[in-house]
Amino acid sequence: MLTVLGALVVLAVLAVARYGADSRFDSGPDPRDPARPRGPQYAHTPAADLALLAALGRRIAAHGRAWESYDRALRPWEQDASRPRERV
């Protein structure tokens, strides 16, 4: 029970740190404060973060498929038994 409560507290702190960090830039740049950026600021949203995670998952899956294809190319004699073999 204590572990679950601790995990929830850590997740809450991370969520506040991630999504509450850009709230001071919502009013636009302040020319009197040189520490504030002058360029456009993009808010972190959960949807944008999920899109990034989905793109990362697709890249990891594509990397795995590429390695499987390379591994199959190294051993052409180990083909699937379900596929008919071509006669030359």
PDB file of N, CA and C in Angstrom:
ATOM      1  N   MET A   1       0.827  -1.191   0.000  1.00  0.00           N
ATOM      2  CA  MET A   1       0.000   0.000   0.000  1.00  0.00           C
ATOM      3  C   MET A   1       0.871   1.255   0.000  1.00  0.00           C
ATOM      4  N   LEU A   2       1.925   1.195   0.798  1.00  0.00           N
ATOM      5  CA  LEU A   2       2.825   2.337   0.868  1.00  0.00           C
ATOM      6  C   LEU A   2       3.555   2.555  -0.452  1.00  0.00           C
ATOM      7  N   THR A   3       3.873   1.472  -1.139  1.00  0.00           N
ATOM      8  CA  THR A   3       4.547   1.574  -2.432  1.00  0.00           C
ATOM      9  C   THR A   3       3.634   2.224  -3.475  1.00  0.00           C
ATOM     10  N   VAL A   4       2.378   1.847  -3.476  1.00  0.00           N
ATOM     11  CA  VAL A   4       1.418   2.429  -4.422  1.00  0.00           C
ATOM     12  C   VAL A   4       1.242   3.912  -4.131  1.00  0.00           C
ATOM     13  N   LEU A   5       1.121   4.266  -2.873  1.00  0.00           N
ATOM     14  CA  LEU A   5       0.972   5.667  -2.494  1.00  0.00           C
ATOM     15  C   LEU A   5       2.216   6.458  -2.897  1.00  0.00           C
ATOM     16  N   GLY A   6       3.388   5.886  -2.678  1.00  0.00           N
ATOM     17  CA  GLY A   6       4.624   6.551  -3.077  1.00  0.00           C
ATOM     18  C   GLY A   6       4.708   6.738  -4.578  1.00  0.00           C
ATOM     19  N   ALA A   7       4.289   5.725  -5.332  1.00  0.00           N
ATOM     20  CA  ALA A   7       4.304   5.836  -6.793  1.00  0.00           C
ATOM     21  C   ALA A   7       3.335   6.914  -7.268  1.00  0.00           C
ATOM     22  N   LEU A   8       2.180   7.017  -6.637  1.00  0.00           N
ATOM     23  CA  LEU A   8       1.218   8.067  -7.012  1.00  0.00           C
ATOM     24  C   LEU A   8       1.761   9.455  -6.705  1.00  0.00           C
ATOM     25  N   VAL A   9       2.438   9.597  -5.591  1.00  0.00           N
ATOM     26  CA  VAL A   9       3.028  10.900  -5.248  1.00  0.00           C
ATOM     27  C   VAL A   9       4.102  11.273  -6.261  1.00  0.00           C
ATOM     28  N   VAL A  10       4.947  10.321  -6.626  1.00  0.00           N
ATOM     29  CA  VAL A  10       5.998  10.596  -7.607  1.00  0.00           C
ATOM     30  C   VAL A  10       5.383  10.963  -8.960  1.00  0.00           C
ATOM     31  N   LEU A  11       4.359  10.239  -9.395  1.00  0.00           N
ATOM     32  CA  LEU A  11       3.696  10.563 -10.662  1.00  0.00           C
ATOM     33  C   LEU A  11       3.055  11.941 -10.623  1.00  0.00           C
ATOM     34  N   ALA A  12       2.470  12.299  -9.491  1.00  0.00           N
ATOM     35  CA  ALA A  12       1.866  13.628  -9.360  1.00  0.00           C
ATOM     36  C   ALA A  12       2.927  14.718  -9.437  1.00  0.00           C
ATOM     37  N   VAL A  13       4.049  14.516  -8.788  1.00  0.00           N
ATOM     38  CA  VAL A  13       5.121  15.511  -8.839  1.00  0.00           C
ATOM     39  C   VAL A  13       5.665  15.635 -10.250  1.00  0.00           C
ATOM     40  N   LEU A  14       5.847  14.517 -10.943  1.00  0.00           N
ATOM     41  CA  LEU A  14       6.334  14.568 -12.319  1.00  0.00           C
ATOM     42  C   LEU A  14       5.340  15.249 -13.251  1.00  0.00           C
ATOM     43  N   ALA A  15       4.058  15.008 -13.052  1.00  0.00           N
ATOM     44  CA  ALA A  15       3.043  15.650 -13.896  1.00  0.00           C
ATOM     45  C   ALA A  15       3.024  17.155 -13.672  1.00  0.00           C
ATOM     46  N   VAL A  16       3.131  17.578 -12.432  1.00  0.00           N
ATOM     47  CA  VAL A  16       3.160  19.015 -12.157  1.00  0.00           C
ATOM     48  C   VAL A  16       4.422  19.637 -12.726  1.00  0.00           C
ATOM     49  N   ALA A  17       5.538  18.950 -12.600  1.00  0.00           N
ATOM     50  CA  ALA A  17       6.789  19.481 -13.140  1.00  0.00           C
ATOM     51  C   ALA A  17       6.751  19.551 -14.661  1.00  0.00           C
ATOM     52  N   ARG A  18       6.115  18.574 -15.303  1.00  0.00           N
ATOM     53  CA  ARG A  18       6.089  18.539 -16.768  1.00  0.00           C
ATOM     54  C   ARG A  18       5.089  19.525 -17.360  1.00  0.00           C
ATOM     55  N   TYR A  19       3.893  19.542 -16.846  1.00  0.00           N
ATOM     56  CA  TYR A  19       2.843  20.344 -17.465  1.00  0.00           C
ATOM     57  C   TYR A  19       2.647  21.695 -16.801  1.00  0.00           C
ATOM     58  N   GLY A  20       3.247  21.937 -15.676  1.00  0.00           N
ATOM     59  CA  GLY A  20       3.114  23.227 -15.026  1.00  0.00           C
ATOM     60  C   GLY A  20       4.310  24.120 -15.245  1.00  0.00           C
ATOM     61  N   ALA A  21       5.323  23.638 -15.952  1.00  0.00           N
ATOM     62  CA  ALA A  21       6.564  24.383 -16.095  1.00  0.00           C
ATOM     63  C   ALA A  21       6.427  25.593 -17.008  1.00  0.00           C
ATOM     64  N   ASP A  22       5.574  25.557 -18.009  1.00  0.00           N
ATOM     65  CA  ASP A  22       5.478  26.645 -18.984  1.00  0.00           C
ATOM     66  C   ASP A  22       4.375  27.638 -18.667  1.00  0.00           C
ATOM     67  N   SER A  23       3.772  27.573 -17.515  1.00  0.00           N
ATOM     68  CA  SER A  23       2.639  28.448 -17.230  1.00  0.00           C
ATOM     69  C   SER A  23       3.036  29.905 -17.134  1.00  0.00           C
ATOM     70  N   ARG A  24       4.278  30.223 -16.807  1.00  0.00           N
ATOM     71  CA  ARG A  24       4.675  31.624 -16.683  1.00  0.00           C
ATOM     72  C   ARG A  24       4.860  32.292 -18.030  1.00  0.00           C
ATOM     73  N   PHE A  25       4.934  31.518 -19.125  1.00  0.00           N
ATOM     74  CA  PHE A  25       5.128  32.092 -20.449  1.00  0.00           C
ATOM     75  C   PHE A  25       3.816  32.325 -21.190  1.00  0.00           C
ATOM     76  N   ASP A  26       2.682  32.102 -20.549  1.00  0.00           N
ATOM     77  CA  ASP A  26       1.403  32.248 -21.230  1.00  0.00           C
ATOM     78  C   ASP A  26       1.064  33.704 -21.541  1.00  0.00           C
ATOM     79  N   SER A  27       1.622  34.624 -20.788  1.00  0.00           N
ATOM     80  CA  SER A  27       1.264  36.027 -20.990  1.00  0.00           C
ATOM     81  C   SER A  27       2.085  36.685 -22.091  1.00  0.00           C
ATOM     82  N   GLY A  28       3.020  35.993 -22.672  1.00  0.00           N
ATOM     83  CA  GLY A  28       3.840  36.567 -23.728  1.00  0.00           C
ATOM     84  C   GLY A  28       5.174  37.037 -23.180  1.00  0.00           C
ATOM     85  N   PRO A  29       6.110  37.362 -24.072  1.00  0.00           N
ATOM     86  CA  PRO A  29       7.433  37.775 -23.605  1.00  0.00           C
ATOM     87  C   PRO A  29       7.392  39.143 -22.940  1.00  0.00           C
ATOM     88  N   ASP A  30       8.209  39.304 -21.959  1.00  0.00           N
ATOM     89  CA  ASP A  30       8.302  40.564 -21.229  1.00  0.00           C
ATOM     90  C   ASP A  30       9.617  41.224 -21.632  1.00  0.00           C
ATOM     91  N   PRO A  31       9.573  42.370 -22.281  1.00  0.00           N
ATOM     92  CA  PRO A  31      10.828  42.986 -22.739  1.00  0.00           C
ATOM     93  C   PRO A  31      11.727  43.434 -21.593  1.00  0.00           C
ATOM     94  N   ARG A  32      11.180  43.555 -20.394  1.00  0.00           N
ATOM     95  CA  ARG A  32      12.001  43.995 -19.256  1.00  0.00           C
ATOM     96  C   ARG A  32      12.755  42.843 -18.615  1.00  0.00           C
ATOM     97  N   ASP A  33      12.409  41.596 -18.925  1.00  0.00           N
ATOM     98  CA  ASP A  33      13.036  40.442 -18.291  1.00  0.00           C
ATOM     99  C   ASP A  33      13.856  39.685 -19.337  1.00  0.00           C
ATOM    100  N   PRO A  34      15.184  39.824 -19.321  1.00  0.00           N
ATOM    101  CA  PRO A  34      15.994  39.157 -20.345  1.00  0.00           C
ATOM    102  C   PRO A  34      16.043  37.641 -20.192  1.00  0.00           C
ATOM    103  N   ALA A  35      15.626  37.116 -19.056  1.00  0.00           N
ATOM    104  CA  ALA A  35      15.654  35.671 -18.861  1.00  0.00           C
ATOM    105  C   ALA A  35      14.508  34.973 -19.572  1.00  0.00           C
ATOM    106  N   ARG A  36      13.454  35.708 -19.884  1.00  0.00           N
ATOM    107  CA  ARG A  36      12.313  35.096 -20.560  1.00  0.00           C
ATOM    108  C   ARG A  36      12.579  35.027 -22.053  1.00  0.00           C
ATOM    109  N   PRO A  37      12.270  33.936 -22.678  1.00  0.00           N
ATOM    110  CA  PRO A  37      12.573  33.780 -24.108  1.00  0.00           C
ATOM    111  C   PRO A  37      11.702  34.681 -24.974  1.00  0.00           C
ATOM    112  N   ARG A  38      12.249  35.041 -26.130  1.00  0.00           N
ATOM    113  CA  ARG A  38      11.524  35.915 -27.060  1.00  0.00           C
ATOM    114  C   ARG A  38      10.777  35.126 -28.129  1.00  0.00           C
ATOM    115  N   GLY A  39      11.168  33.894 -28.359  1.00  0.00           N
ATOM    116  CA  GLY A  39      10.554  33.089 -29.414  1.00  0.00           C
ATOM    117  C   GLY A  39       9.244  32.470 -28.975  1.00  0.00           C
ATOM    118  N   PRO A  40       8.613  31.742 -29.886  1.00  0.00           N
ATOM    119  CA  PRO A  40       7.340  31.105 -29.538  1.00  0.00           C
ATOM    120  C   PRO A  40       7.545  29.984 -28.516  1.00  0.00           C
ATOM    121  N   GLN A  41       6.597  29.860 -27.630  1.00  0.00           N
ATOM    122  CA  GLN A  41       6.631  28.816 -26.610  1.00  0.00           C
ATOM    123  C   GLN A  41       5.520  27.831 -26.896  1.00  0.00           C
ATOM    124  N   TYR A  42       5.837  26.568 -26.823  1.00  0.00           N
ATOM    125  CA  TYR A  42       4.858  25.529 -27.074  1.00  0.00           C
ATOM    126  C   TYR A  42       4.522  24.840 -25.762  1.00  0.00           C
ATOM    127  N   ALA A  43       3.253  24.761 -25.475  1.00  0.00           N
ATOM    128  CA  ALA A  43       2.814  24.131 -24.230  1.00  0.00           C
ATOM    129  C   ALA A  43       2.941  22.614 -24.342  1.00  0.00           C
ATOM    130  N   HIS A  44       3.321  21.997 -23.259  1.00  0.00           N
ATOM    131  CA  HIS A  44       3.371  20.537 -23.216  1.00  0.00           C
ATOM    132  C   HIS A  44       1.973  20.033 -22.881  1.00  0.00           C
ATOM    133  N   THR A  45       1.444  19.192 -23.750  1.00  0.00           N
ATOM    134  CA  THR A  45       0.132  18.609 -23.490  1.00  0.00           C
ATOM    135  C   THR A  45       0.265  17.098 -23.442  1.00  0.00           C
ATOM    136  N   PRO A  46      -0.594  16.446 -22.707  1.00  0.00           N
ATOM    137  CA  PRO A  46      -0.532  14.979 -22.692  1.00  0.00           C
ATOM    138  C   PRO A  46      -0.715  14.361 -24.078  1.00  0.00           C
ATOM    139  N   ALA A  47      -1.562  14.967 -24.901  1.00  0.00           N
ATOM    140  CA  ALA A  47      -1.777  14.427 -26.251  1.00  0.00           C
ATOM    141  C   ALA A  47      -0.500  14.513 -27.085  1.00  0.00           C
ATOM    142  N   ALA A  48       0.218  15.633 -26.971  1.00  0.00           N
ATOM    143  CA  ALA A  48       1.470  15.775 -27.717  1.00  0.00           C
ATOM    144  C   ALA A  48       2.505  14.780 -27.214  1.00  0.00           C
ATOM    145  N   ASP A  49       2.546  14.571 -25.904  1.00  0.00           N
ATOM    146  CA  ASP A  49       3.497  13.603 -25.357  1.00  0.00           C
ATOM    147  C   ASP A  49       3.145  12.187 -25.781  1.00  0.00           C
ATOM    148  N   LEU A  50       1.863  11.853 -25.840  1.00  0.00           N
ATOM    149  CA  LEU A  50       1.462  10.527 -26.302  1.00  0.00           C
ATOM    150  C   LEU A  50       1.801  10.336 -27.777  1.00  0.00           C
ATOM    151  N   ALA A  51       1.667  11.400 -28.566  1.00  0.00           N
ATOM    152  CA  ALA A  51       2.040  11.307 -29.979  1.00  0.00           C
ATOM    153  C   ALA A  51       3.537  11.047 -30.117  1.00  0.00           C
ATOM    154  N   LEU A  52       4.342  11.700 -29.276  1.00  0.00           N
ATOM    155  CA  LEU A  52       5.784  11.449 -29.304  1.00  0.00           C
ATOM    156  C   LEU A  52       6.104  10.012 -28.900  1.00  0.00           C
ATOM    157  N   LEU A  53       5.421   9.513 -27.882  1.00  0.00           N
ATOM    158  CA  LEU A  53       5.648   8.134 -27.456  1.00  0.00           C
ATOM    159  C   LEU A  53       5.212   7.140 -28.532  1.00  0.00           C
ATOM    160  N   ALA A  54       4.106   7.441 -29.224  1.00  0.00           N
ATOM    161  CA  ALA A  54       3.654   6.559 -30.307  1.00  0.00           C
ATOM    162  C   ALA A  54       4.668   6.547 -31.448  1.00  0.00           C
ATOM    163  N   ALA A  55       5.212   7.713 -31.783  1.00  0.00           N
ATOM    164  CA  ALA A  55       6.222   7.774 -32.831  1.00  0.00           C
ATOM    165  C   ALA A  55       7.479   7.005 -32.424  1.00  0.00           C
ATOM    166  N   LEU A  56       7.858   7.113 -31.154  1.00  0.00           N
ATOM    167  CA  LEU A  56       9.007   6.354 -30.666  1.00  0.00           C
ATOM    168  C   LEU A  56       8.741   4.851 -30.749  1.00  0.00           C
ATOM    169  N   GLY A  57       7.531   4.428 -30.407  1.00  0.00           N
ATOM    170  CA  GLY A  57       7.172   3.017 -30.507  1.00  0.00           C
ATOM    171  C   GLY A  57       7.215   2.515 -31.940  1.00  0.00           C
ATOM    172  N   ARG A  58       6.753   3.337 -32.882  1.00  0.00           N
ATOM    173  CA  ARG A  58       6.811   2.944 -34.286  1.00  0.00           C
ATOM    174  C   ARG A  58       8.252   2.822 -34.767  1.00  0.00           C
ATOM    175  N   ARG A  59       9.119   3.721 -34.313  1.00  0.00           N
ATOM    176  CA  ARG A  59      10.522   3.650 -34.711  1.00  0.00           C
ATOM    177  C   ARG A  59      11.193   2.405 -34.136  1.00  0.00           C
ATOM    178  N   ILE A  60      10.869   2.071 -32.902  1.00  0.00           N
ATOM    179  CA  ILE A  60      11.445   0.879 -32.286  1.00  0.00           C
ATOM    180  C   ILE A  60      10.963  -0.371 -33.007  1.00  0.00           C
ATOM    181  N   ALA A  61       9.670  -0.416 -33.354  1.00  0.00           N
ATOM    182  CA  ALA A  61       9.131  -1.570 -34.081  1.00  0.00           C
ATOM    183  C   ALA A  61       9.767  -1.692 -35.469  1.00  0.00           C
ATOM    184  N   ALA A  62       9.965  -0.570 -36.151  1.00  0.00           N
ATOM    185  CA  ALA A  62      10.594  -0.608 -37.469  1.00  0.00           C
ATOM    186  C   ALA A  62      12.042  -1.082 -37.359  1.00  0.00           C
ATOM    187  N   HIS A  63      12.717  -0.662 -36.307  1.00  0.00           N
ATOM    188  CA  HIS A  63      14.095  -1.106 -36.090  1.00  0.00           C
ATOM    189  C   HIS A  63      14.138  -2.620 -35.874  1.00  0.00           C
ATOM    190  N   GLY A  64      13.207  -3.127 -35.101  1.00  0.00           N
ATOM    191  CA  GLY A  64      13.139  -4.574 -34.881  1.00  0.00           C
ATOM    192  C   GLY A  64      12.842  -5.333 -36.161  1.00  0.00           C
ATOM    193  N   ARG A  65      11.924  -4.808 -36.983  1.00  0.00           N
ATOM    194  CA  ARG A  65      11.623  -5.460 -38.261  1.00  0.00           C
ATOM    195  C   ARG A  65      12.835  -5.455 -39.183  1.00  0.00           C
ATOM    196  N   ALA A  66      13.599  -4.357 -39.166  1.00  0.00           N
ATOM    197  CA  ALA A  66      14.796  -4.291 -40.015  1.00  0.00           C
ATOM    198  C   ALA A  66      15.823  -5.327 -39.579  1.00  0.00           C
ATOM    199  N   TRP A  67      16.003  -5.498 -38.272  1.00  0.00           N
ATOM    200  CA  TRP A  67      16.951  -6.508 -37.797  1.00  0.00           C
ATOM    201  C   TRP A  67      16.470  -7.916 -38.118  1.00  0.00           C
ATOM    202  N   GLU A  68      15.161  -8.171 -38.023  1.00  0.00           N
ATOM    203  CA  GLU A  68      14.635  -9.485 -38.385  1.00  0.00           C
ATOM    204  C   GLU A  68      14.866  -9.771 -39.857  1.00  0.00           C
ATOM    205  N   SER A  69      14.648  -8.775 -40.699  1.00  0.00           N
ATOM    206  CA  SER A  69      14.862  -8.946 -42.133  1.00  0.00           C
ATOM    207  C   SER A  69      16.338  -9.215 -42.433  1.00  0.00           C
ATOM    208  N   TYR A  70      17.211  -8.479 -41.758  1.00  0.00           N
ATOM    209  CA  TYR A  70      18.649  -8.692 -41.946  1.00  0.00           C
ATOM    210  C   TYR A  70      19.055 -10.089 -41.486  1.00  0.00           C
ATOM    211  N   ASP A  71      18.508 -10.523 -40.369  1.00  0.00           N
ATOM    212  CA  ASP A  71      18.830 -11.849 -39.848  1.00  0.00           C
ATOM    213  C   ASP A  71      18.348 -12.941 -40.804  1.00  0.00           C
ATOM    214  N   ARG A  72      17.152 -12.771 -41.373  1.00  0.00           N
ATOM    215  CA  ARG A  72      16.648 -13.751 -42.343  1.00  0.00           C
ATOM    216  C   ARG A  72      17.505 -13.766 -43.604  1.00  0.00           C
ATOM    217  N   ALA A  73      18.012 -12.590 -44.000  1.00  0.00           N
ATOM    218  CA  ALA A  73      18.827 -12.517 -45.219  1.00  0.00           C
ATOM    219  C   ALA A  73      20.161 -13.239 -45.039  1.00  0.00           C
ATOM    220  N   LEU A  74      20.641 -13.330 -43.799  1.00  0.00           N
ATOM    221  CA  LEU A  74      21.907 -14.023 -43.568  1.00  0.00           C
ATOM    222  C   LEU A  74      21.767 -15.530 -43.660  1.00  0.00           C
ATOM    223  N   ARG A  75      20.558 -16.054 -43.444  1.00  0.00           N
ATOM    224  CA  ARG A  75      20.324 -17.507 -43.475  1.00  0.00           C
ATOM    225  C   ARG A  75      19.135 -17.816 -44.386  1.00  0.00           C
ATOM    226  N   PRO A  76      19.341 -17.757 -45.685  1.00  0.00           N
ATOM    227  CA  PRO A  76      18.204 -17.992 -46.590  1.00  0.00           C
ATOM    228  C   PRO A  76      17.718 -19.437 -46.570  1.00  0.00           C
ATOM    229  N   TRP A  77      18.519 -20.377 -46.093  1.00  0.00           N
ATOM    230  CA  TRP A  77      18.099 -21.779 -46.045  1.00  0.00           C
ATOM    231  C   TRP A  77      17.116 -22.059 -44.924  1.00  0.00           C
ATOM    232  N   GLU A  78      16.947 -21.138 -43.988  1.00  0.00           N
ATOM    233  CA  GLU A  78      16.002 -21.315 -42.884  1.00  0.00           C
ATOM    234  C   GLU A  78      14.720 -20.537 -43.172  1.00  0.00           C
ATOM    235  N   GLN A  79      13.999 -20.953 -44.181  1.00  0.00           N
ATOM    236  CA  GLN A  79      12.757 -20.268 -44.532  1.00  0.00           C
ATOM    237  C   GLN A  79      11.594 -20.915 -43.805  1.00  0.00           C
ATOM    238  N   ASP A  80      10.453 -20.224 -43.831  1.00  0.00           N
ATOM    239  CA  ASP A  80       9.242 -20.777 -43.233  1.00  0.00           C
ATOM    240  C   ASP A  80       8.834 -22.052 -43.963  1.00  0.00           C
ATOM    241  N   ALA A  81       8.389 -23.042 -43.209  1.00  0.00           N
ATOM    242  CA  ALA A  81       7.910 -24.276 -43.830  1.00  0.00           C
ATOM    243  C   ALA A  81       6.578 -24.057 -44.518  1.00  0.00           C
ATOM    244  N   SER A  82       5.846 -23.039 -44.116  1.00  0.00           N
ATOM    245  CA  SER A  82       4.527 -22.784 -44.705  1.00  0.00           C
ATOM    246  C   SER A  82       4.637 -22.173 -46.106  1.00  0.00           C
ATOM    247  N   ARG A  83       5.753 -21.491 -46.374  1.00  0.00           N
ATOM    248  CA  ARG A  83       5.940 -20.888 -47.703  1.00  0.00           C
ATOM    249  C   ARG A  83       6.500 -21.921 -48.669  1.00  0.00           C
ATOM    250  N   PRO A  84       5.926 -22.032 -49.848  1.00  0.00           N
ATOM    251  CA  PRO A  84       6.490 -22.989 -50.818  1.00  0.00           C
ATOM    252  C   PRO A  84       7.837 -22.489 -51.336  1.00  0.00           C
ATOM    253  N   ARG A  85       8.742 -23.421 -51.493  1.00  0.00           N
ATOM    254  CA  ARG A  85      10.067 -23.067 -51.984  1.00  0.00           C
ATOM    255  C   ARG A  85      10.056 -22.947 -53.494  1.00  0.00           C
ATOM    256  N   GLU A  86      10.823 -22.005 -53.995  1.00  0.00           N
ATOM    257  CA  GLU A  86      10.894 -21.811 -55.431  1.00  0.00           C
ATOM    258  C   GLU A  86      11.984 -22.702 -56.003  1.00  0.00           C
ATOM    259  N   ARG A  87      11.682 -23.312 -57.130  1.00  0.00           N
ATOM    260  CA  ARG A  87      12.677 -24.139 -57.798  1.00  0.00           C
ATOM    261  C   ARG A  87      13.380 -23.278 -58.847  1.00  0.00           C
ATOM    262  N   VAL A  88      14.662 -23.440 -58.921  1.00  0.00           N
ATOM    263  CA  VAL A  88      15.448 -22.656 -59.867  1.00  0.00           C
ATOM    264  C   VAL A  88      15.775 -23.468 -61.086  1.00  0.00           C
TER     265      VAL A  88
END
